[in-house]
Amino acid sequence: MPLAVTPGEPAGIGPDLVLKQAMNALDRPMFAIADPDLLRDRARQLELSVEIAEIADPDHLTAHTAGVLPVWPVKLRAPSEAGKLDPANAPYVLDTLDAAIDLALNHRAALVTGPVHKGVINEAGIPFTGHTEYLEQKSGVEQVVMMLATEGLRVALVTTHLPLADVPAAITPERLKRVTAVLHASLQRDFGCAEPHILVAGLNPHAGEGGHLGREEIEVIEPALAELRALGWDLEGPLPADTLFQPHYLDRADAVLAMYHDQGLPVLKYKGFGAAVNITLGLPFIRTSVDHGTALDLAGTGRASDTSLGVALRTAADMAFYRSTTHA
């Protein structure tokens, strides 16, 4: 299956990263969904010798050749300059995503996304809270799960982009069971974990300390986990979040399930920022992404690291391999 890469915000580092990765060979097809002239201009700015080859059909691409970047053309809405946001190009960003989603839904590509700038998309009058939510809406699925991964650690989230004050009410038994089910199934299908061992964080300090610091663990989290354990699932928790991120637990775990965004991701980003990947679980297709933003100050300078995009590409390729063997 080919890897379809959307560079994201045209004024950011996304085009730079895709061009840098195009300099490397890959054992499966890879192509960008972008404006070919944008990529040609950025390649000249970066002094990269990348041949931009426009394509009309990704189905017959072969393993990626170093120095050649196949491009499914989508035109910019306005001229773009590295480092300078323009709300006029917000629809272009979504055009590239929509084209990629259509291919992915028709099983013609796995999706790898570069960084978008949520602020400029909203400035253009387009409601947009993030890639994950957009993909969920476009795919029409009931539940997606955000998971970030780096070497030796995977962290999935029960809630994502919510104000902290809204998190406790959002953690219902039904949501917790849906999220855990998506995570469990993906670890088996996409990562080769036959019997996943998942560490589940509590919501409150010290996982509620027996109800003295909150009752969500007693009234919501533990009963939901007990139902899932009855299915034979290997779930450990709820554990205090301040102690579960240590080798004693992590060395025997396949993933951590955190209750909210800033409970789990600071640890993962401390461990592997720049070498991590954002994965959306529960979609009817594979989607991975970089773990960073648009870095406008680095766009067009050649100083932006493409390590995270490389990890996202390799992870998508690995997931495609596991899926093909699972369904073989």
Protein backbone atom coordinates (compact mmCIF):
# COMPACT_ATOMS: atom_id res chain seq x y z
CA MET A 1 0.00 0.00 0.00
CA PRO A 2 1.42 3.45 -0.90
CA LEU A 3 2.03 6.12 1.74
CA ALA A 4 0.20 9.38 0.95
CA VAL A 5 1.88 12.36 2.64
CA THR A 6 0.11 15.68 3.19
CA PRO A 7 2.71 18.38 4.00
CA GLY A 8 0.16 20.44 5.92
CA GLU A 9 0.54 24.22 6.30
CA PRO A 10 2.34 25.43 3.14
CA ALA A 11 4.14 28.25 4.98
CA GLY A 12 5.48 25.87 7.63
CA ILE A 13 8.16 23.21 7.67
CA GLY A 14 5.93 20.45 6.28
CA PRO A 15 7.05 20.91 2.65
CA ASP A 16 10.70 20.99 3.81
CA LEU A 17 10.32 17.71 5.70
CA VAL A 18 8.63 15.91 2.82
CA LEU A 19 11.37 17.02 0.44
CA LYS A 20 14.08 15.89 2.87
CA GLN A 21 12.44 12.48 3.25
CA ALA A 22 12.15 12.21 -0.54
CA MET A 23 15.96 12.06 -0.61
CA ASN A 24 15.79 8.63 1.07
CA ALA A 25 14.81 5.35 -0.54
CA LEU A 26 11.83 3.51 0.95
CA ASP A 27 10.77 -0.10 0.40
CA ARG A 28 7.21 0.90 -0.46
CA PRO A 29 5.64 3.65 -2.61
CA MET A 30 5.40 7.17 -1.20
CA PHE A 31 3.82 10.26 -2.74
CA ALA A 32 2.85 13.76 -1.63
CA ILE A 33 -0.54 15.41 -2.01
CA ALA A 34 0.37 19.06 -2.54
CA ASP A 35 0.95 21.85 -5.02
CA PRO A 36 3.87 20.69 -7.21
CA ASP A 37 5.05 24.29 -7.74
CA LEU A 38 5.16 24.87 -3.98
CA LEU A 39 7.43 21.85 -3.60
CA ARG A 40 9.62 22.85 -6.56
CA ASP A 41 10.05 26.36 -5.15
CA ARG A 42 10.85 25.07 -1.66
CA ALA A 43 13.32 22.52 -3.05
CA ARG A 44 15.18 25.35 -4.81
CA GLN A 45 15.13 27.41 -1.61
CA LEU A 46 16.57 24.47 0.33
CA GLU A 47 18.99 23.57 -2.47
CA LEU A 48 17.68 20.02 -2.61
CA SER A 49 17.89 18.06 -5.84
CA VAL A 50 14.46 16.47 -5.80
CA GLU A 51 12.60 15.66 -9.00
CA ILE A 52 8.89 16.48 -8.64
CA ALA A 53 6.93 13.98 -10.72
CA GLU A 54 3.21 14.74 -11.05
CA ILE A 55 0.95 11.67 -11.00
CA ALA A 56 -2.70 11.01 -11.79
CA ASP A 57 -2.92 7.58 -10.14
CA PRO A 58 -0.97 6.24 -7.14
CA ASP A 59 -2.05 2.64 -7.69
CA HIS A 60 0.87 1.69 -9.89
CA LEU A 61 3.70 3.33 -7.98
CA THR A 62 6.63 1.15 -6.98
CA ALA A 63 9.04 1.40 -4.04
CA HIS A 64 10.15 4.97 -3.45
CA THR A 65 13.30 6.03 -5.30
CA ALA A 66 15.65 8.44 -3.54
CA GLY A 67 15.57 11.91 -5.08
CA VAL A 68 12.20 11.53 -6.84
CA LEU A 69 8.95 12.71 -5.26
CA PRO A 70 5.68 11.66 -6.94
CA VAL A 71 3.02 14.33 -6.33
CA TRP A 72 -0.76 14.14 -6.58
CA PRO A 73 -1.39 17.77 -7.56
CA VAL A 74 -3.61 20.06 -5.49
CA LYS A 75 -3.23 23.76 -6.26
CA LEU A 76 -2.61 26.46 -3.68
CA ARG A 77 -5.39 29.03 -3.27
CA ALA A 78 -2.83 31.88 -3.03
CA PRO A 79 0.96 32.24 -3.38
CA SER A 80 2.78 30.95 -0.31
CA GLU A 81 5.98 32.17 1.28
CA ALA A 82 7.92 30.18 3.86
CA GLY A 83 7.27 31.46 7.35
CA LYS A 84 4.31 33.72 6.47
CA LEU A 85 0.81 32.43 7.23
CA ASP A 86 -2.03 33.32 4.87
CA PRO A 87 -5.64 32.41 5.76
CA ALA A 88 -6.36 32.30 2.01
CA ASN A 89 -4.54 28.96 1.90
CA ALA A 90 -6.53 27.35 4.74
CA PRO A 91 -8.92 25.74 2.22
CA TYR A 92 -5.90 24.36 0.36
CA VAL A 93 -4.73 22.56 3.50
CA LEU A 94 -8.14 20.91 3.83
CA ASP A 95 -8.20 20.17 0.08
CA THR A 96 -5.05 18.09 0.48
CA LEU A 97 -6.48 16.31 3.51
CA ASP A 98 -9.77 15.59 1.76
CA ALA A 99 -7.96 14.11 -1.25
CA ALA A 100 -5.87 11.91 1.05
CA ILE A 101 -8.90 10.80 3.07
CA ASP A 102 -10.73 9.81 -0.11
CA LEU A 103 -7.79 7.65 -1.21
CA ALA A 104 -7.43 6.13 2.26
CA LEU A 105 -11.14 5.32 2.59
CA ASN A 106 -10.92 3.51 -0.73
CA HIS A 107 -7.94 1.46 0.51
CA ARG A 108 -5.58 3.07 -2.00
CA ALA A 109 -3.15 4.61 0.52
CA ALA A 110 -2.12 4.93 4.14
CA LEU A 111 -2.11 8.53 5.37
CA VAL A 112 0.91 10.34 6.83
CA THR A 113 0.29 13.98 7.79
CA GLY A 114 2.57 16.94 8.23
CA PRO A 115 1.80 19.75 10.69
CA VAL A 116 -1.15 22.09 10.19
CA HIS A 117 -1.72 25.47 11.83
CA LYS A 118 -5.11 25.32 13.55
CA GLY A 119 -5.13 29.05 14.27
CA VAL A 120 -4.89 30.20 10.66
CA ILE A 121 -7.56 27.70 9.57
CA ASN A 122 -9.91 29.15 12.18
CA GLU A 123 -8.95 32.68 11.13
CA ALA A 124 -10.19 31.76 7.67
CA GLY A 125 -13.63 31.11 9.18
CA ILE A 126 -13.34 27.32 9.07
CA PRO A 127 -14.12 25.53 12.37
CA PHE A 128 -11.19 23.18 12.95
CA THR A 129 -9.97 21.68 16.22
CA GLY A 130 -7.30 19.35 14.85
CA HIS A 131 -6.38 16.54 12.50
CA THR A 132 -7.74 13.84 14.79
CA GLU A 133 -11.21 15.32 15.10
CA TYR A 134 -11.35 16.16 11.38
CA LEU A 135 -10.45 12.62 10.38
CA GLU A 136 -13.01 11.20 12.81
CA GLN A 137 -15.76 13.38 11.35
CA LYS A 138 -14.85 12.66 7.72
CA SER A 139 -14.62 8.92 8.35
CA GLY A 140 -17.93 8.69 10.19
CA VAL A 141 -16.58 6.40 12.92
CA GLU A 142 -17.90 6.29 16.47
CA GLN A 143 -14.60 6.51 18.34
CA VAL A 144 -11.03 7.37 17.44
CA VAL A 145 -8.09 7.35 19.83
CA MET A 146 -5.02 9.56 19.78
CA MET A 147 -1.82 7.65 20.56
CA LEU A 148 1.73 8.95 20.50
CA ALA A 149 4.64 6.55 20.35
CA THR A 150 8.40 6.68 20.55
CA GLU A 151 11.03 4.03 21.12
CA GLY A 152 9.92 1.98 24.14
CA LEU A 153 6.72 3.88 24.94
CA ARG A 154 3.17 4.20 23.56
CA VAL A 155 0.67 6.56 25.22
CA ALA A 156 -3.01 6.64 24.22
CA LEU A 157 -5.55 9.18 25.50
CA VAL A 158 -9.10 8.79 26.79
CA THR A 159 -9.75 12.52 26.21
CA THR A 160 -7.82 14.85 23.92
CA HIS A 161 -8.30 18.58 23.38
CA LEU A 162 -10.55 19.48 26.29
CA PRO A 163 -10.21 22.15 28.99
CA LEU A 164 -9.01 20.46 32.15
CA ALA A 165 -12.20 21.43 33.97
CA ASP A 166 -14.24 19.39 31.46
CA VAL A 167 -12.19 16.20 31.67
CA PRO A 168 -13.83 14.40 34.66
CA ALA A 169 -17.33 14.60 33.18
CA ALA A 170 -16.01 13.35 29.81
CA ILE A 171 -14.58 10.17 31.36
CA THR A 172 -17.69 8.01 31.39
CA PRO A 173 -17.71 4.21 31.64
CA GLU A 174 -18.96 4.00 28.06
CA ARG A 175 -16.21 6.24 26.67
CA LEU A 176 -13.51 4.49 28.67
CA LYS A 177 -14.65 1.08 27.40
CA ARG A 178 -14.83 2.30 23.78
CA VAL A 179 -11.37 3.87 23.90
CA THR A 180 -9.83 0.83 25.56
CA ALA A 181 -11.44 -1.46 22.98
CA VAL A 182 -10.03 0.60 20.09
CA LEU A 183 -6.57 0.59 21.69
CA HIS A 184 -6.65 -3.15 22.41
CA ALA A 185 -7.76 -4.02 18.87
CA SER A 186 -5.15 -1.76 17.27
CA LEU A 187 -2.29 -3.16 19.36
CA GLN A 188 -3.23 -6.59 18.03
CA ARG A 189 -3.91 -5.63 14.40
CA ASP A 190 -1.35 -2.87 13.81
CA PHE A 191 1.52 -3.61 16.18
CA GLY A 192 1.68 -7.39 16.46
CA CYS A 193 0.79 -7.58 20.17
CA ALA A 194 -1.12 -10.87 20.45
CA GLU A 195 -2.21 -10.30 24.07
CA PRO A 196 -1.74 -6.60 24.82
CA HIS A 197 -0.78 -5.55 28.34
CA ILE A 198 -2.15 -2.05 28.95
CA LEU A 199 -1.37 0.21 31.91
CA VAL A 200 -4.31 2.47 32.80
CA ALA A 201 -3.71 5.72 34.67
CA GLY A 202 -6.03 7.03 37.32
CA LEU A 203 -7.53 10.49 36.95
CA ASN A 204 -6.71 11.94 40.36
CA PRO A 205 -3.42 12.29 42.24
CA HIS A 206 -2.42 8.93 43.75
CA ALA A 207 -5.27 7.40 41.69
CA GLY A 208 -7.73 8.91 44.15
CA GLU A 209 -6.05 7.50 47.26
CA GLY A 210 -8.95 5.26 48.14
CA GLY A 211 -11.52 7.98 47.50
CA HIS A 212 -9.87 10.67 49.64
CA LEU A 213 -8.62 12.57 46.54
CA GLY A 214 -11.54 11.86 44.24
CA ARG A 215 -13.93 9.01 43.52
CA GLU A 216 -13.66 8.65 39.73
CA GLU A 217 -11.33 5.68 40.10
CA ILE A 218 -13.79 3.86 42.36
CA GLU A 219 -17.04 4.82 40.62
CA VAL A 220 -16.02 4.98 36.93
CA ILE A 221 -12.60 3.65 35.99
CA GLU A 222 -12.31 0.43 38.02
CA PRO A 223 -15.83 -0.85 37.20
CA ALA A 224 -15.23 -0.26 33.47
CA LEU A 225 -11.88 -2.06 33.61
CA ALA A 226 -13.46 -4.95 35.50
CA GLU A 227 -15.95 -5.47 32.67
CA LEU A 228 -13.15 -5.55 30.12
CA ARG A 229 -10.99 -7.85 32.23
CA ALA A 230 -13.89 -10.31 32.17
CA LEU A 231 -13.22 -10.57 28.43
CA GLY A 232 -9.72 -11.80 29.21
CA TRP A 233 -7.97 -8.48 28.55
CA ASP A 234 -4.75 -7.73 30.43
CA LEU A 235 -5.43 -4.31 31.96
CA GLU A 236 -3.47 -3.00 34.94
CA GLY A 237 -4.81 -0.06 36.89
CA PRO A 238 -5.99 2.48 37.68
CA LEU A 239 -2.41 3.39 38.58
CA PRO A 240 -1.08 6.70 39.92
CA ALA A 241 0.19 8.62 36.90
CA ASP A 242 3.18 9.97 38.80
CA THR A 243 4.61 6.48 39.33
CA LEU A 244 3.48 4.35 36.38
CA PHE A 245 5.98 5.93 33.95
CA GLN A 246 8.95 3.94 35.24
CA PRO A 247 10.68 0.75 34.03
CA HIS A 248 9.04 -1.37 36.75
CA TYR A 249 5.75 -0.96 34.87
CA LEU A 250 6.76 0.05 31.34
CA ASP A 251 9.16 -2.84 30.67
CA ARG A 252 6.22 -5.26 30.64
CA ALA A 253 3.60 -3.05 29.00
CA ASP A 254 2.53 -2.56 25.39
CA ALA A 255 0.85 0.80 25.98
CA VAL A 256 -0.23 3.32 28.60
CA LEU A 257 -3.78 4.68 28.60
CA ALA A 258 -3.82 8.20 30.08
CA MET A 259 -7.00 9.98 31.08
CA TYR A 260 -6.19 13.36 29.51
CA HIS A 261 -3.78 15.08 27.13
CA ASP A 262 -1.28 16.62 29.53
CA GLN A 263 -1.24 13.61 31.86
CA GLY A 264 0.55 11.32 29.43
CA LEU A 265 2.08 13.36 26.64
CA PRO A 266 4.62 15.43 28.60
CA VAL A 267 6.35 12.19 29.60
CA LEU A 268 6.36 10.83 26.08
CA LYS A 269 7.59 14.09 24.58
CA TYR A 270 10.33 14.37 27.18
CA LYS A 271 11.45 10.87 26.24
CA GLY A 272 11.21 11.18 22.48
CA PHE A 273 10.30 14.63 21.17
CA GLY A 274 11.33 14.94 17.57
CA ALA A 275 11.55 11.15 17.28
CA ALA A 276 7.93 10.33 18.09
CA VAL A 277 4.85 9.69 16.00
CA ASN A 278 1.18 10.61 16.46
CA ILE A 279 -1.14 7.76 15.45
CA THR A 280 -4.93 7.92 15.10
CA LEU A 281 -6.45 4.58 16.11
CA GLY A 282 -9.96 3.48 15.21
CA LEU A 283 -10.09 4.90 11.68
CA PRO A 284 -10.89 2.60 8.75
CA PHE A 285 -7.41 3.38 7.42
CA ILE A 286 -3.88 3.96 8.71
CA ARG A 287 -2.97 7.48 9.79
CA THR A 288 0.29 8.62 11.35
CA SER A 289 1.67 12.12 11.84
CA VAL A 290 4.61 14.12 13.08
CA ASP A 291 4.76 14.99 16.78
CA HIS A 292 5.43 18.72 16.31
CA GLY A 293 3.98 21.90 14.86
CA THR A 294 4.59 24.08 11.84
CA ALA A 295 7.77 25.81 13.17
CA LEU A 296 7.31 28.85 10.93
CA ASP A 297 10.65 30.31 11.99
CA LEU A 298 12.46 27.27 10.54
CA ALA A 299 10.52 27.00 7.28
CA GLY A 300 12.74 27.36 4.25
CA THR A 301 15.94 27.53 6.30
CA GLY A 302 17.01 23.89 6.00
CA ARG A 303 17.37 23.64 9.79
CA ALA A 304 14.15 21.71 10.46
CA SER A 305 14.64 18.09 11.49
CA ASP A 306 12.72 15.50 9.47
CA THR A 307 13.26 12.75 12.07
CA SER A 308 9.65 12.66 13.26
CA LEU A 309 8.32 12.47 9.70
CA GLY A 310 10.71 9.59 9.07
CA VAL A 311 9.33 7.81 12.15
CA ALA A 312 5.75 8.50 10.95
CA LEU A 313 6.53 7.01 7.53
CA ARG A 314 8.19 3.91 8.97
CA THR A 315 5.37 3.43 11.48
CA ALA A 316 2.72 3.65 8.76
CA ALA A 317 4.69 1.14 6.68
CA ASP A 318 4.99 -1.22 9.66
CA MET A 319 1.27 -0.93 10.41
CA ALA A 320 0.45 -1.71 6.78
CA PHE A 321 2.68 -4.78 7.01
CA TYR A 322 1.02 -6.03 10.21
CA ARG A 323 -2.44 -5.46 8.74
CA SER A 324 -1.55 -7.41 5.59
CA THR A 325 -0.23 -10.34 7.64
CA THR A 326 -3.19 -10.24 10.05
CA HIS A 327 -5.64 -10.48 7.17
CA ALA A 328 -3.55 -12.85 5.07
